[in-house]
C-alpha atoms as a PDB file:
ATOM      1  CA  ILE A   1       6.604 145.977 246.773  1.00  0.00           C
ATOM      2  CA  GLN A   2       9.624 147.999 247.741  1.00  0.00           C
ATOM      3  CA  SER A   3      12.710 148.644 245.607  1.00  0.00           C
ATOM      4  CA  LEU A   4      16.013 147.962 247.333  1.00  0.00           C
ATOM      5  CA  ASP A   5      18.196 149.035 244.455  1.00  0.00           C
ATOM      6  CA  ASP A   6      18.114 148.931 240.663  1.00  0.00           C
ATOM      7  CA  GLU A   7      18.512 145.135 240.511  1.00  0.00           C
ATOM      8  CA  SER A   8      16.811 143.853 243.680  1.00  0.00           C
ATOM      9  CA  TRP A   9      13.194 143.791 244.806  1.00  0.00           C
ATOM     10  CA  ALA A  10      11.670 142.863 248.145  1.00  0.00           C
ATOM     11  CA  MET A  11       8.048 142.096 249.005  1.00  0.00           C
ATOM     12  CA  ASP A  12       6.678 143.814 252.021  1.00  0.00           C
ATOM     13  CA  ASN A  13       3.037 143.683 253.098  1.00  0.00           C
ATOM     14  CA  LEU A  14       1.838 142.165 249.822  1.00  0.00           C
ATOM     15  CA  GLN A  15      -1.819 141.053 249.912  1.00  0.00           C
ATOM     16  CA  VAL A  16      -3.397 138.801 247.333  1.00  0.00           C
ATOM     17  CA  SER A  17      -7.122 138.105 247.027  1.00  0.00           C
ATOM     18  CA  VAL A  18      -8.418 135.059 245.108  1.00  0.00           C
ATOM     19  CA  THR A  19     -12.090 134.522 244.348  1.00  0.00           C
ATOM     20  CA  THR A  20     -13.241 131.019 243.488  1.00  0.00           C
ATOM     21  CA  ILE A  21     -16.524 130.504 241.700  1.00  0.00           C
ATOM     22  CA  ALA A  22     -18.009 127.036 242.080  1.00  0.00           C
ATOM     23  CA  ASP A  23     -19.194 125.370 238.865  1.00  0.00           C
ATOM     24  CA  SER A  24     -22.289 123.323 239.591  1.00  0.00           C
ATOM     25  CA  THR A  25     -23.827 123.349 236.114  1.00  0.00           C
ATOM     26  CA  ALA A  26     -23.354 120.281 233.930  1.00  0.00           C
ATOM     27  CA  PRO A  27     -22.727 120.535 230.181  1.00  0.00           C
ATOM     28  CA  THR A  28     -25.603 120.089 227.728  1.00  0.00           C
ATOM     29  CA  GLY A  29     -25.207 118.273 224.453  1.00  0.00           C
ATOM     30  CA  SER A  30     -26.509 116.241 221.546  1.00  0.00           C
ATOM     31  CA  ILE A  31     -25.616 113.217 219.401  1.00  0.00           C
ATOM     32  CA  SER A  32     -26.421 112.056 215.881  1.00  0.00           C
ATOM     33  CA  ILE A  33     -25.484 108.674 214.377  1.00  0.00           C
ATOM     34  CA  ASN A  34     -24.404 108.740 210.720  1.00  0.00           C
ATOM     35  CA  ARG A  35     -25.866 112.245 210.323  1.00  0.00           C
ATOM     36  CA  GLY A  36     -29.325 111.158 211.413  1.00  0.00           C
ATOM     37  CA  ALA A  37     -29.629 108.082 209.163  1.00  0.00           C
ATOM     38  CA  ASP A  38     -32.373 105.598 209.997  1.00  0.00           C
ATOM     39  CA  TYR A  39     -30.441 102.510 208.834  1.00  0.00           C
ATOM     40  CA  THR A  40     -26.883 101.236 208.466  1.00  0.00           C
ATOM     41  CA  VAL A  41     -25.405  98.026 207.029  1.00  0.00           C
ATOM     42  CA  SER A  42     -22.165  98.362 208.996  1.00  0.00           C
ATOM     43  CA  THR A  43     -21.311  98.191 212.687  1.00  0.00           C
ATOM     44  CA  ASN A  44     -18.832 101.048 212.057  1.00  0.00           C
ATOM     45  CA  VAL A  45     -20.676 104.355 212.386  1.00  0.00           C
ATOM     46  CA  THR A  46     -19.822 108.009 212.945  1.00  0.00           C
ATOM     47  CA  LEU A  47     -21.176 109.906 215.944  1.00  0.00           C
ATOM     48  CA  THR A  48     -21.655 113.646 215.512  1.00  0.00           C
ATOM     49  CA  LEU A  49     -21.191 115.080 218.998  1.00  0.00           C
ATOM     50  CA  SER A  50     -21.946 118.595 220.182  1.00  0.00           C
ATOM     51  CA  ALA A  51     -21.917 120.051 223.702  1.00  0.00           C
ATOM     52  CA  THR A  52     -21.656 123.366 225.520  1.00  0.00           C
ATOM     53  CA  ASP A  53     -20.571 124.337 229.018  1.00  0.00           C
ATOM     54  CA  ALA A  54     -19.951 127.782 230.534  1.00  0.00           C
ATOM     55  CA  VAL A  55     -16.540 126.708 231.864  1.00  0.00           C
ATOM     56  CA  GLY A  56     -15.595 124.064 229.299  1.00  0.00           C
ATOM     57  CA  VAL A  57     -16.424 120.544 228.138  1.00  0.00           C
ATOM     58  CA  THR A  58     -13.495 118.258 229.010  1.00  0.00           C
ATOM     59  CA  GLY A  59     -14.735 114.816 227.956  1.00  0.00           C
ATOM     60  CA  TYR A  60     -17.455 112.538 226.659  1.00  0.00           C
ATOM     61  CA  TYR A  61     -18.581 108.969 227.301  1.00  0.00           C
ATOM     62  CA  ALA A  62     -20.272 106.997 224.485  1.00  0.00           C
ATOM     63  CA  SER A  63     -21.883 103.606 225.072  1.00  0.00           C
ATOM     64  CA  GLU A  64     -24.813 101.402 224.106  1.00  0.00           C
ATOM     65  CA  THR A  65     -25.556 101.142 227.837  1.00  0.00           C
ATOM     66  CA  ALA A  66     -27.882 103.680 229.438  1.00  0.00           C
ATOM     67  CA  THR A  67     -26.104 103.413 232.810  1.00  0.00           C
ATOM     68  CA  ALA A  68     -24.415 106.728 233.596  1.00  0.00           C
ATOM     69  CA  PRO A  69     -20.787 106.541 234.778  1.00  0.00           C
ATOM     70  CA  SER A  70     -19.350 108.977 237.300  1.00  0.00           C
ATOM     71  CA  SER A  71     -16.854 111.548 236.063  1.00  0.00           C
ATOM     72  CA  GLY A  72     -13.917 109.488 237.381  1.00  0.00           C
ATOM     73  CA  ASP A  73     -14.885 106.122 235.851  1.00  0.00           C
ATOM     74  CA  ALA A  74     -12.873 104.483 233.082  1.00  0.00           C
ATOM     75  CA  GLY A  75     -14.109 104.890 229.509  1.00  0.00           C
ATOM     76  CA  TRP A  76     -14.261 108.677 229.302  1.00  0.00           C
ATOM     77  CA  THR A  77     -12.601 110.242 226.247  1.00  0.00           C
ATOM     78  CA  ALA A  78     -10.741 113.428 227.173  1.00  0.00           C
ATOM     79  CA  VAL A  79     -10.994 116.482 224.932  1.00  0.00           C
ATOM     80  CA  ILE A  80      -9.299 119.855 225.104  1.00  0.00           C
ATOM     81  CA  SER A  81     -11.472 122.030 227.338  1.00  0.00           C
ATOM     82  CA  VAL A  82     -13.692 124.296 225.231  1.00  0.00           C
ATOM     83  CA  THR A  83     -17.029 125.975 225.943  1.00  0.00           C
ATOM     84  CA  GLY A  84     -18.429 124.744 222.607  1.00  0.00           C
ATOM     85  CA  TYR A  85     -17.314 121.210 221.718  1.00  0.00           C
ATOM     86  CA  SER A  86     -18.166 119.461 218.449  1.00  0.00           C
ATOM     87  CA  ALA A  87     -16.611 116.487 216.674  1.00  0.00           C
ATOM     88  CA  ASN A  88     -17.296 113.524 214.422  1.00  0.00           C
ATOM     89  CA  VAL A  89     -15.958 110.390 216.105  1.00  0.00           C
ATOM     90  CA  PRO A  90     -15.939 106.722 215.085  1.00  0.00           C
ATOM     91  CA  PHE A  91     -17.982 104.219 217.086  1.00  0.00           C
ATOM     92  CA  THR A  92     -18.496 100.467 216.719  1.00  0.00           C
ATOM     93  CA  LEU A  93     -22.011  99.149 217.302  1.00  0.00           C
ATOM     94  CA  SER A  94     -22.611  95.756 218.872  1.00  0.00           C
ATOM     95  CA  GLY A  95     -23.375  92.975 216.376  1.00  0.00           C
ATOM     96  CA  GLY A  96     -26.778  91.625 215.458  1.00  0.00           C
ATOM     97  CA  ASP A  97     -29.554  93.102 213.381  1.00  0.00           C
ATOM     98  CA  GLY A  98     -31.996  95.541 214.952  1.00  0.00           C
ATOM     99  CA  GLY A  99     -32.259  98.905 216.648  1.00  0.00           C
ATOM    100  CA  LYS A 100     -29.066 100.217 218.259  1.00  0.00           C
ATOM    101  CA  THR A 101     -29.152 103.129 220.690  1.00  0.00           C
ATOM    102  CA  VAL A 102     -25.972 105.025 221.533  1.00  0.00           C
ATOM    103  CA  TYR A 103     -25.952 107.118 224.709  1.00  0.00           C
ATOM    104  CA  VAL A 104     -23.497 109.989 225.256  1.00  0.00           C
ATOM    105  CA  LEU A 105     -22.698 111.955 228.404  1.00  0.00           C
ATOM    106  CA  TYR A 106     -20.456 115.004 228.644  1.00  0.00           C
ATOM    107  CA  LYS A 107     -18.407 116.255 231.605  1.00  0.00           C
ATOM    108  CA  ASP A 108     -16.635 119.461 232.582  1.00  0.00           C
ATOM    109  CA  ALA A 109     -13.493 120.229 234.625  1.00  0.00           C
ATOM    110  CA  ALA A 110     -15.497 120.462 237.867  1.00  0.00           C
ATOM    111  CA  GLY A 111     -16.690 116.876 237.392  1.00  0.00           C
ATOM    112  CA  ASN A 112     -20.258 117.794 236.486  1.00  0.00           C
ATOM    113  CA  VAL A 113     -21.811 115.139 234.221  1.00  0.00           C
ATOM    114  CA  SER A 114     -24.608 115.902 231.764  1.00  0.00           C
ATOM    115  CA  ASP A 115     -27.814 113.968 231.408  1.00  0.00           C
ATOM    116  CA  ALA A 116     -27.529 111.251 228.767  1.00  0.00           C
ATOM    117  CA  VAL A 117     -28.454 112.131 225.202  1.00  0.00           C
ATOM    118  CA  SER A 118     -29.079 109.389 222.661  1.00  0.00           C
ATOM    119  CA  ASP A 119     -29.772 108.491 219.064  1.00  0.00           C
ATOM    120  CA  THR A 120     -30.987 105.234 217.525  1.00  0.00           C
ATOM    121  CA  ILE A 121     -30.162 103.572 214.214  1.00  0.00           C
ATOM    122  CA  THR A 122     -31.293 100.236 212.781  1.00  0.00           C
ATOM    123  CA  LEU A 123     -28.457  97.856 211.932  1.00  0.00           C
ATOM    124  CA  THR A 124     -29.070  95.437 209.055  1.00  0.00           C
ATOM    125  CA  LEU A 125     -26.166  93.067 208.505  1.00  0.00           C
ATOM    126  CA  MET A 126     -27.784  91.058 205.721  1.00  0.00           C
ATOM    127  CA  GLU A 127     -25.915  90.946 202.448  1.00  0.00           C
ATOM    128  CA  VAL A 128     -26.922  93.828 200.210  1.00  0.00           C
ATOM    129  CA  PRO A 129     -27.683  92.742 196.616  1.00  0.00           C
ATOM    130  CA  VAL A 130     -25.094  93.855 194.066  1.00  0.00           C
ATOM    131  CA  VAL A 131     -25.631  93.713 190.300  1.00  0.00           C
ATOM    132  CA  SER A 132     -22.557  92.008 188.834  1.00  0.00           C
ATOM    133  CA  THR A 133     -23.635  91.927 185.149  1.00  0.00           C
ATOM    134  CA  PHE A 134     -26.235  93.892 183.210  1.00  0.00           C
ATOM    135  CA  GLN A 135     -27.084  93.646 179.506  1.00  0.00           C
ATOM    136  CA  ILE A 136     -29.626  95.088 177.101  1.00  0.00           C
ATOM    137  CA  ASN A 137     -30.704  92.711 174.295  1.00  0.00           C
ATOM    138  CA  ASN A 138     -27.931  90.220 175.187  1.00  0.00           C
ATOM    139  CA  GLY A 139     -25.206  92.872 174.810  1.00  0.00           C
ATOM    140  CA  ALA A 140     -26.353  94.365 171.488  1.00  0.00           C
ATOM    141  CA  THR A 141     -24.748  97.729 170.734  1.00  0.00           C
ATOM    142  CA  GLU A 142     -27.877  99.132 169.067  1.00  0.00           C
ATOM    143  CA  THR A 143     -31.555  98.425 168.466  1.00  0.00           C
ATOM    144  CA  THR A 144     -34.349  99.668 166.247  1.00  0.00           C
ATOM    145  CA  SER A 145     -37.086  98.743 168.712  1.00  0.00           C
ATOM    146  CA  ARG A 146     -38.262 100.603 171.800  1.00  0.00           C
ATOM    147  CA  THR A 147     -38.928  97.232 173.428  1.00  0.00           C
ATOM    148  CA  VAL A 148     -35.781  95.634 174.817  1.00  0.00           C
ATOM    149  CA  THR A 149     -34.858  92.635 176.946  1.00  0.00           C
ATOM    150  CA  LEU A 150     -32.896  93.309 180.139  1.00  0.00           C
ATOM    151  CA  SER A 151     -30.778  90.629 181.757  1.00  0.00           C
ATOM    152  CA  ASN A 152     -28.619  90.802 184.839  1.00  0.00           C
ATOM    153  CA  THR A 153     -26.881  88.751 187.480  1.00  0.00           C
ATOM    154  CA  ALA A 154     -26.862  89.816 191.098  1.00  0.00           C
ATOM    155  CA  THR A 155     -25.362  88.584 194.357  1.00  0.00           C
ATOM    156  CA  GLY A 156     -27.047  88.754 197.751  1.00  0.00           C
ATOM    157  CA  SER A 157     -30.365  87.013 196.954  1.00  0.00           C
ATOM    158  CA  PRO A 158     -32.393  89.974 195.641  1.00  0.00           C
ATOM    159  CA  THR A 159     -36.166  89.602 195.643  1.00  0.00           C
ATOM    160  CA  HIS A 160     -37.114  92.601 193.472  1.00  0.00           C
ATOM    161  CA  SER A 161     -35.550  94.781 190.783  1.00  0.00           C
ATOM    162  CA  MET A 162     -36.262  98.146 189.190  1.00  0.00           C
ATOM    163  CA  ALA A 163     -35.151  99.550 185.821  1.00  0.00           C
ATOM    164  CA  SER A 164     -35.709 102.973 184.302  1.00  0.00           C
ATOM    165  CA  GLU A 165     -34.438 105.335 181.632  1.00  0.00           C
ATOM    166  CA  SER A 166     -34.513 108.064 184.289  1.00  0.00           C
ATOM    167  CA  PRO A 167     -31.607 108.346 186.774  1.00  0.00           C
ATOM    168  CA  LYS A 168     -34.207 109.228 189.426  1.00  0.00           C
ATOM    169  CA  PHE A 169     -36.320 106.186 188.479  1.00  0.00           C
ATOM    170  CA  LYS A 170     -39.322 108.422 187.753  1.00  0.00           C
ATOM    171  CA  ASN A 171     -42.476 106.332 187.140  1.00  0.00           C
ATOM    172  CA  ALA A 172     -40.494 103.086 187.679  1.00  0.00           C
ATOM    173  CA  ALA A 173     -41.933 100.234 189.721  1.00  0.00           C
ATOM    174  CA  TRP A 174     -40.431  97.317 191.620  1.00  0.00           C
ATOM    175  CA  LYS A 175     -40.813  93.956 189.878  1.00  0.00           C
ATOM    176  CA  ILE A 176     -40.304  90.528 191.394  1.00  0.00           C
ATOM    177  CA  TYR A 177     -36.799  89.331 190.538  1.00  0.00           C
END
């Protein structure tokens, strides 16, 4: 660079060298559904996603299908490029009771796609029993006996019940409802 005067500059014999490093390493990652729960009663779950890449994770693809998309296919969710990505994201499972497996792939800016990672949860859409009324000795406010009569009404077709004086149900047993 050569100065022409105080306000003007001219470039003469300027050489610039650029080195490009090819990124051929795909991101690695993990997934957890509802923080590792075994069961859910809702199709709406939360995926805990985590991935790393030396250059930066730029997107993820979540599906109940094991088929891996290419980096340019529709369905990818873009994320701000970071070397360590983590997020909790909503996901809707397909209907019907049974095991549901969610597969996730991660990609980077070079288009490298990770191997699929997955987690499985069992979906149970049956109605969960809910106790709508509960009484001790038909609603009595006090008793002089240690033996009491419990009565309740529940929705959802329960088959068994359990009662205890302990909030942790210590030494309690299921009884046919």
